[in-house]
Amino acid sequence: MLRKRTEYSRSSDLPPFTLSGFPGLETSQHWMFLLFGILYIVSIVGNALILFIIKEVQSLHKPMYYFLSLLSVNDLGVSFSTLLTVLATFCFHLREIGFDSCMAQMFFIHLFSFMESGVLLVMSFDRYVAICNPLPVVIRGFCMVFPLPFLLKRLSFCKANVLSHPYCLHPDLIRLPCGDITINNIFGQFIVISNFGLDSALILLSYMLILRSVLAIASREERLKTLNTCVSHMCAVLMFFVPMVGVSMAARYGRHAPQYVHTLMSLIYLFVPPMLNPVIYSIKTKEIRQRLCKILLGTRF
């Protein structure tokens, strides 16, 4: 998928793209590779362990834990979508990616992002629907992301085609074409508003309704117990939407900010949720924590 610029065929009509690392840290690329390697290991191993524990422990075969497994599968998808280009950029200095490979990576990154947003939304209203019938969430994400590569492929690219990140994102790619990108901009705004905007608004509404119901409970212990059941979901929502809003704000209003700000924000958006979700689940859920300690330490707390 990755090739050096000197090997690029000039006869191709579809230009390659040049990936970027952290500007000004070119001499520290191997340290960046070590850092991201550790983050990937934590994310992939952590989510894989969550899936393994939920599968093996019969008492965890409940809707709440199926919800955690759905998010773990989604987090693994995000990690594997960016793994090759990130590590190749920082370790092997292979910064050129072919057009079709870039479109495929962009498709899967945004697909898993839309799917996670949809799962969090459905779970906030009806866990049964999210667990037993997740197909509408997948179909919605697929239908929204599917046109993006084709809308980009019809455009002419005549600039340097240097991306701001070590992977392909639609907001980054849409800056490069020379032709009219009005349709691309309109469609991009539409899917952001209709997915992330609507999902976050409905999730906020669901928690307002939950809070109103909790405040109606007379007993303080019952109120705390009820809120405690929502903590994992609230953490997952915050870890997903807060970095995403930060990336959107930086792209929209931070055009004069240093390049490393945009790179750092996008890396936080793609790395933080997959890495921290397993940690939060392990701390919050006693059954998962005990099983994890037994696997890693050979003891049971």
Protein backbone atom coordinates (compact mmCIF):
# COMPACT_ATOMS: atom_id res chain seq x y z
CA MET A 1 0.00 0.00 0.00
CA LEU A 2 2.86 2.34 0.80
CA ARG A 3 5.48 3.25 -1.82
CA LYS A 4 8.37 5.65 -2.11
CA ARG A 5 7.83 8.68 -4.31
CA THR A 6 10.59 7.66 -6.74
CA GLU A 7 8.65 4.52 -7.60
CA TYR A 8 5.44 6.34 -8.49
CA SER A 9 4.29 5.82 -12.08
CA ARG A 10 3.80 9.10 -13.91
CA SER A 11 1.35 7.48 -16.30
CA SER A 12 -1.25 7.03 -13.61
CA ASP A 13 -4.20 9.44 -13.60
CA LEU A 14 -4.72 9.00 -9.88
CA PRO A 15 -2.02 10.76 -7.85
CA PRO A 16 -0.55 9.35 -4.64
CA PHE A 17 -0.66 11.25 -1.37
CA THR A 18 2.18 12.11 0.99
CA LEU A 19 1.51 11.40 4.65
CA SER A 20 2.87 13.66 7.41
CA GLY A 21 4.25 13.04 10.86
CA PHE A 22 4.84 15.70 13.50
CA PRO A 23 6.43 18.81 11.94
CA GLY A 24 9.69 19.71 13.66
CA LEU A 25 10.13 16.26 15.19
CA GLU A 26 11.73 14.57 12.19
CA THR A 27 14.79 13.63 14.27
CA SER A 28 12.60 11.94 16.89
CA GLN A 29 10.59 9.72 14.55
CA HIS A 30 11.81 6.50 16.19
CA TRP A 31 10.65 7.73 19.57
CA MET A 32 7.28 8.54 18.03
CA PHE A 33 7.20 5.03 16.57
CA LEU A 34 7.85 3.61 20.05
CA LEU A 35 5.10 5.76 21.56
CA PHE A 36 2.50 4.86 18.95
CA GLY A 37 3.57 1.22 19.05
CA ILE A 38 2.81 1.14 22.78
CA LEU A 39 -0.53 2.88 22.23
CA TYR A 40 -1.48 0.37 19.54
CA ILE A 41 -0.48 -2.56 21.77
CA VAL A 42 -2.56 -1.22 24.67
CA SER A 43 -5.55 -0.60 22.39
CA ILE A 44 -5.46 -3.88 20.46
CA VAL A 45 -4.56 -6.16 23.38
CA GLY A 46 -6.97 -4.39 25.72
CA ASN A 47 -9.96 -4.63 23.40
CA ALA A 48 -9.09 -8.21 22.42
CA LEU A 49 -8.99 -9.17 26.12
CA ILE A 50 -12.38 -7.54 26.69
CA LEU A 51 -13.85 -9.62 23.85
CA PHE A 52 -12.17 -12.79 25.13
CA ILE A 53 -13.37 -12.30 28.71
CA ILE A 54 -16.96 -11.56 27.69
CA LYS A 55 -16.97 -14.63 25.44
CA GLU A 56 -15.49 -16.98 28.05
CA VAL A 57 -17.33 -15.86 31.20
CA GLN A 58 -20.91 -17.09 31.08
CA SER A 59 -22.11 -14.59 33.70
CA LEU A 60 -21.12 -11.73 31.37
CA HIS A 61 -23.50 -12.81 28.61
CA LYS A 62 -25.80 -9.88 29.31
CA PRO A 63 -26.86 -6.85 27.22
CA MET A 64 -24.51 -4.47 29.02
CA TYR A 65 -21.46 -6.60 28.28
CA TYR A 66 -22.55 -7.22 24.71
CA PHE A 67 -22.56 -3.43 24.42
CA LEU A 68 -18.95 -3.34 25.62
CA SER A 69 -18.04 -6.02 23.09
CA LEU A 70 -19.61 -4.00 20.26
CA LEU A 71 -17.51 -0.98 21.19
CA SER A 72 -14.40 -3.16 21.46
CA VAL A 73 -14.96 -4.54 17.95
CA ASN A 74 -15.39 -0.98 16.69
CA ASP A 75 -12.25 0.20 18.49
CA LEU A 76 -10.26 -2.66 16.96
CA GLY A 77 -11.54 -1.61 13.54
CA VAL A 78 -10.30 1.96 14.05
CA SER A 79 -6.91 0.74 15.29
CA PHE A 80 -6.32 -1.65 12.40
CA SER A 81 -7.49 0.98 9.88
CA THR A 82 -4.65 3.32 10.83
CA LEU A 83 -2.00 0.85 12.04
CA LEU A 84 -0.04 0.35 8.82
CA THR A 85 0.34 3.95 7.70
CA VAL A 86 1.05 5.38 11.17
CA LEU A 87 3.82 2.90 11.98
CA ALA A 88 5.27 3.04 8.45
CA THR A 89 5.35 6.85 8.55
CA PHE A 90 7.18 7.09 11.86
CA CYS A 91 9.41 4.02 11.60
CA PHE A 92 10.24 3.36 7.95
CA HIS A 93 9.70 6.87 6.52
CA LEU A 94 7.35 5.42 3.88
CA ARG A 95 5.10 8.41 3.51
CA GLU A 96 3.54 7.86 0.11
CA ILE A 97 0.21 6.10 -0.18
CA GLY A 98 -1.61 5.26 -3.40
CA PHE A 99 -4.89 6.96 -4.26
CA ASP A 100 -7.08 3.86 -3.97
CA SER A 101 -5.39 2.76 -0.75
CA CYS A 102 -5.97 6.22 0.71
CA MET A 103 -9.64 6.12 -0.29
CA ALA A 104 -10.04 2.68 1.31
CA GLN A 105 -8.41 3.82 4.54
CA MET A 106 -10.56 6.95 4.66
CA PHE A 107 -13.67 4.82 4.11
CA PHE A 108 -12.97 2.47 7.01
CA ILE A 109 -11.87 5.19 9.45
CA HIS A 110 -15.05 7.18 8.92
CA LEU A 111 -17.23 4.05 8.76
CA PHE A 112 -16.11 2.91 12.21
CA SER A 113 -16.51 6.46 13.55
CA PHE A 114 -20.10 6.67 12.30
CA MET A 115 -20.84 3.17 13.60
CA GLU A 116 -19.55 4.01 17.08
CA SER A 117 -21.65 7.16 17.16
CA GLY A 118 -24.70 5.14 16.12
CA VAL A 119 -24.09 2.41 18.71
CA LEU A 120 -23.71 4.99 21.48
CA LEU A 121 -26.95 6.66 20.37
CA VAL A 122 -29.02 3.48 20.21
CA MET A 123 -27.60 2.25 23.51
CA SER A 124 -28.68 5.46 25.23
CA PHE A 125 -32.31 4.68 24.38
CA ASP A 126 -32.65 0.93 23.88
CA ARG A 127 -29.92 -1.59 24.66
CA TYR A 128 -31.97 -4.44 23.26
CA VAL A 129 -32.12 -2.85 19.81
CA ALA A 130 -28.39 -2.08 19.83
CA ILE A 131 -27.47 -5.65 20.76
CA CYS A 132 -30.04 -7.76 18.91
CA ASN A 133 -30.44 -5.66 15.78
CA PRO A 134 -27.25 -3.67 15.11
CA LEU A 135 -27.65 -3.92 11.32
CA PRO A 136 -29.38 -0.51 10.92
CA VAL A 137 -26.41 1.16 12.62
CA VAL A 138 -23.99 -0.54 10.21
CA ILE A 139 -26.16 0.26 7.17
CA ARG A 140 -26.49 3.92 8.16
CA GLY A 141 -22.73 4.30 8.54
CA PHE A 142 -22.05 2.48 5.28
CA CYS A 143 -24.56 4.56 3.28
CA MET A 144 -23.12 7.81 4.62
CA VAL A 145 -19.46 6.96 3.97
CA PHE A 146 -19.81 5.01 0.71
CA PRO A 147 -20.18 8.09 -1.61
CA LEU A 148 -17.09 9.87 -0.22
CA PRO A 149 -14.39 8.04 -2.24
CA PHE A 150 -16.37 8.43 -5.48
CA LEU A 151 -16.99 12.14 -4.89
CA LEU A 152 -13.25 12.61 -4.39
CA LYS A 153 -12.28 10.42 -7.33
CA ARG A 154 -14.14 12.64 -9.81
CA LEU A 155 -12.01 15.67 -8.87
CA SER A 156 -8.65 16.78 -10.26
CA PHE A 157 -5.68 16.92 -7.90
CA CYS A 158 -3.01 19.37 -9.02
CA LYS A 159 -1.44 20.44 -5.73
CA ALA A 160 1.37 18.87 -3.73
CA ASN A 161 -1.10 16.33 -2.25
CA VAL A 162 0.59 16.47 1.15
CA LEU A 163 -1.74 15.36 3.94
CA SER A 164 -1.64 16.75 7.47
CA HIS A 165 -1.75 13.34 9.16
CA PRO A 166 -0.17 9.88 8.91
CA TYR A 167 -3.50 8.55 7.59
CA CYS A 168 -6.29 9.65 5.25
CA LEU A 169 -9.22 11.70 6.54
CA HIS A 170 -11.92 13.33 4.41
CA PRO A 171 -11.51 16.88 5.86
CA ASP A 172 -7.82 16.67 5.00
CA LEU A 173 -8.31 15.27 1.50
CA ILE A 174 -10.97 17.79 0.55
CA ARG A 175 -8.42 20.65 0.78
CA LEU A 176 -6.32 19.30 -2.09
CA PRO A 177 -8.47 19.23 -5.29
CA CYS A 178 -8.25 22.07 -7.80
CA GLY A 179 -11.82 21.87 -9.12
CA ASP A 180 -15.19 22.78 -7.68
CA ILE A 181 -15.69 21.00 -4.35
CA THR A 182 -19.10 22.49 -3.52
CA ILE A 183 -20.87 19.12 -3.69
CA ASN A 184 -18.20 17.51 -1.52
CA ASN A 185 -18.45 20.27 1.09
CA ILE A 186 -22.25 20.12 1.19
CA PHE A 187 -22.30 16.34 1.51
CA GLY A 188 -19.54 16.42 4.14
CA GLN A 189 -21.47 18.95 6.22
CA PHE A 190 -24.65 16.93 5.78
CA ILE A 191 -23.19 13.68 7.10
CA VAL A 192 -21.49 15.43 10.03
CA ILE A 193 -24.70 17.18 11.08
CA SER A 194 -27.04 14.24 10.41
CA ASN A 195 -24.77 11.76 12.20
CA PHE A 196 -22.57 13.31 14.86
CA GLY A 197 -24.68 16.42 15.42
CA LEU A 198 -28.01 14.60 15.64
CA ASP A 199 -26.57 11.68 17.60
CA SER A 200 -24.96 13.90 20.23
CA ALA A 201 -28.17 15.95 20.59
CA LEU A 202 -30.31 12.83 21.06
CA ILE A 203 -27.82 11.31 23.52
CA LEU A 204 -27.91 14.56 25.51
CA LEU A 205 -31.71 14.41 25.47
CA SER A 206 -31.67 10.83 26.76
CA TYR A 207 -29.46 11.79 29.69
CA MET A 208 -31.66 14.76 30.50
CA LEU A 209 -34.60 12.35 30.73
CA ILE A 210 -32.53 9.96 32.84
CA LEU A 211 -31.46 12.79 35.15
CA ARG A 212 -35.05 13.92 35.57
CA SER A 213 -36.09 10.39 36.52
CA VAL A 214 -33.16 10.04 38.93
CA LEU A 215 -33.98 13.29 40.70
CA ALA A 216 -37.51 12.02 41.24
CA ILE A 217 -36.15 9.11 43.29
CA ALA A 218 -36.40 9.89 47.00
CA SER A 219 -33.55 7.74 48.29
CA ARG A 220 -30.01 9.07 47.84
CA GLU A 221 -28.63 5.51 47.66
CA GLU A 222 -31.08 4.60 44.91
CA ARG A 223 -30.14 7.72 42.97
CA LEU A 224 -26.45 6.87 43.15
CA LYS A 225 -27.12 3.26 42.20
CA THR A 226 -29.14 4.33 39.17
CA LEU A 227 -26.50 6.81 38.02
CA ASN A 228 -23.79 4.22 38.55
CA THR A 229 -25.33 1.99 35.88
CA CYS A 230 -24.83 4.79 33.32
CA VAL A 231 -21.21 5.62 34.11
CA SER A 232 -19.60 3.31 31.53
CA HIS A 233 -21.82 4.60 28.75
CA MET A 234 -21.29 8.23 29.74
CA CYS A 235 -17.51 7.74 29.74
CA ALA A 236 -17.65 6.13 26.30
CA VAL A 237 -19.77 9.03 25.00
CA LEU A 238 -17.42 11.68 26.40
CA MET A 239 -14.27 9.96 25.13
CA PHE A 240 -15.75 9.73 21.64
CA PHE A 241 -17.44 13.11 21.19
CA VAL A 242 -15.05 15.45 23.06
CA PRO A 243 -11.98 14.67 20.88
CA MET A 244 -14.20 14.67 17.79
CA VAL A 245 -15.49 18.17 18.60
CA GLY A 246 -11.91 19.29 19.21
CA VAL A 247 -10.81 18.04 15.78
CA SER A 248 -13.79 19.73 14.10
CA MET A 249 -13.15 23.03 15.87
CA ALA A 250 -9.45 22.93 15.01
CA ALA A 251 -10.21 22.23 11.35
CA ARG A 252 -12.87 24.95 11.16
CA TYR A 253 -11.41 27.78 13.24
CA GLY A 254 -7.75 26.88 13.69
CA ARG A 255 -6.47 27.31 10.15
CA HIS A 256 -3.69 29.60 11.36
CA ALA A 257 -2.68 27.29 14.20
CA PRO A 258 0.63 25.38 13.89
CA GLN A 259 0.40 22.15 11.92
CA TYR A 260 1.32 20.02 14.91
CA VAL A 261 -1.88 21.17 16.64
CA HIS A 262 -4.04 19.60 13.91
CA THR A 263 -1.92 16.46 13.87
CA LEU A 264 -2.07 16.10 17.65
CA MET A 265 -5.84 16.65 17.78
CA SER A 266 -6.53 14.03 15.13
CA LEU A 267 -4.24 11.52 16.86
CA ILE A 268 -6.05 12.08 20.16
CA TYR A 269 -9.37 11.56 18.37
CA LEU A 270 -8.31 8.21 16.89
CA PHE A 271 -6.13 6.91 19.74
CA VAL A 272 -7.81 7.96 23.00
CA PRO A 273 -11.17 6.11 22.77
CA PRO A 274 -9.75 2.73 21.63
CA MET A 275 -7.03 2.93 24.28
CA LEU A 276 -9.08 4.13 27.26
CA ASN A 277 -12.31 2.20 26.71
CA PRO A 278 -10.81 -1.14 27.87
CA VAL A 279 -9.18 0.59 30.87
CA ILE A 280 -12.46 2.15 31.98
CA TYR A 281 -14.39 -1.10 31.48
CA SER A 282 -11.81 -2.97 33.56
CA ILE A 283 -11.89 -0.46 36.41
CA LYS A 284 -15.64 -0.03 36.38
CA THR A 285 -16.74 -3.66 35.95
CA LYS A 286 -15.83 -5.99 38.81
CA GLU A 287 -16.27 -9.21 36.82
CA ILE A 288 -14.01 -8.02 33.99
CA ARG A 289 -11.45 -6.65 36.45
CA GLN A 290 -11.24 -9.94 38.36
CA ARG A 291 -10.95 -12.01 35.20
CA LEU A 292 -8.33 -9.66 33.78
CA CYS A 293 -6.22 -9.90 36.94
CA LYS A 294 -6.48 -13.67 36.82
CA ILE A 295 -5.28 -13.73 33.19
CA LEU A 296 -2.45 -11.22 33.61
CA LEU A 297 -1.28 -11.94 37.16
CA GLY A 298 -2.53 -15.44 37.80
CA THR A 299 -4.46 -14.19 40.82
CA ARG A 300 -8.00 -13.20 41.57
CA PHE A 301 -8.75 -10.04 43.51
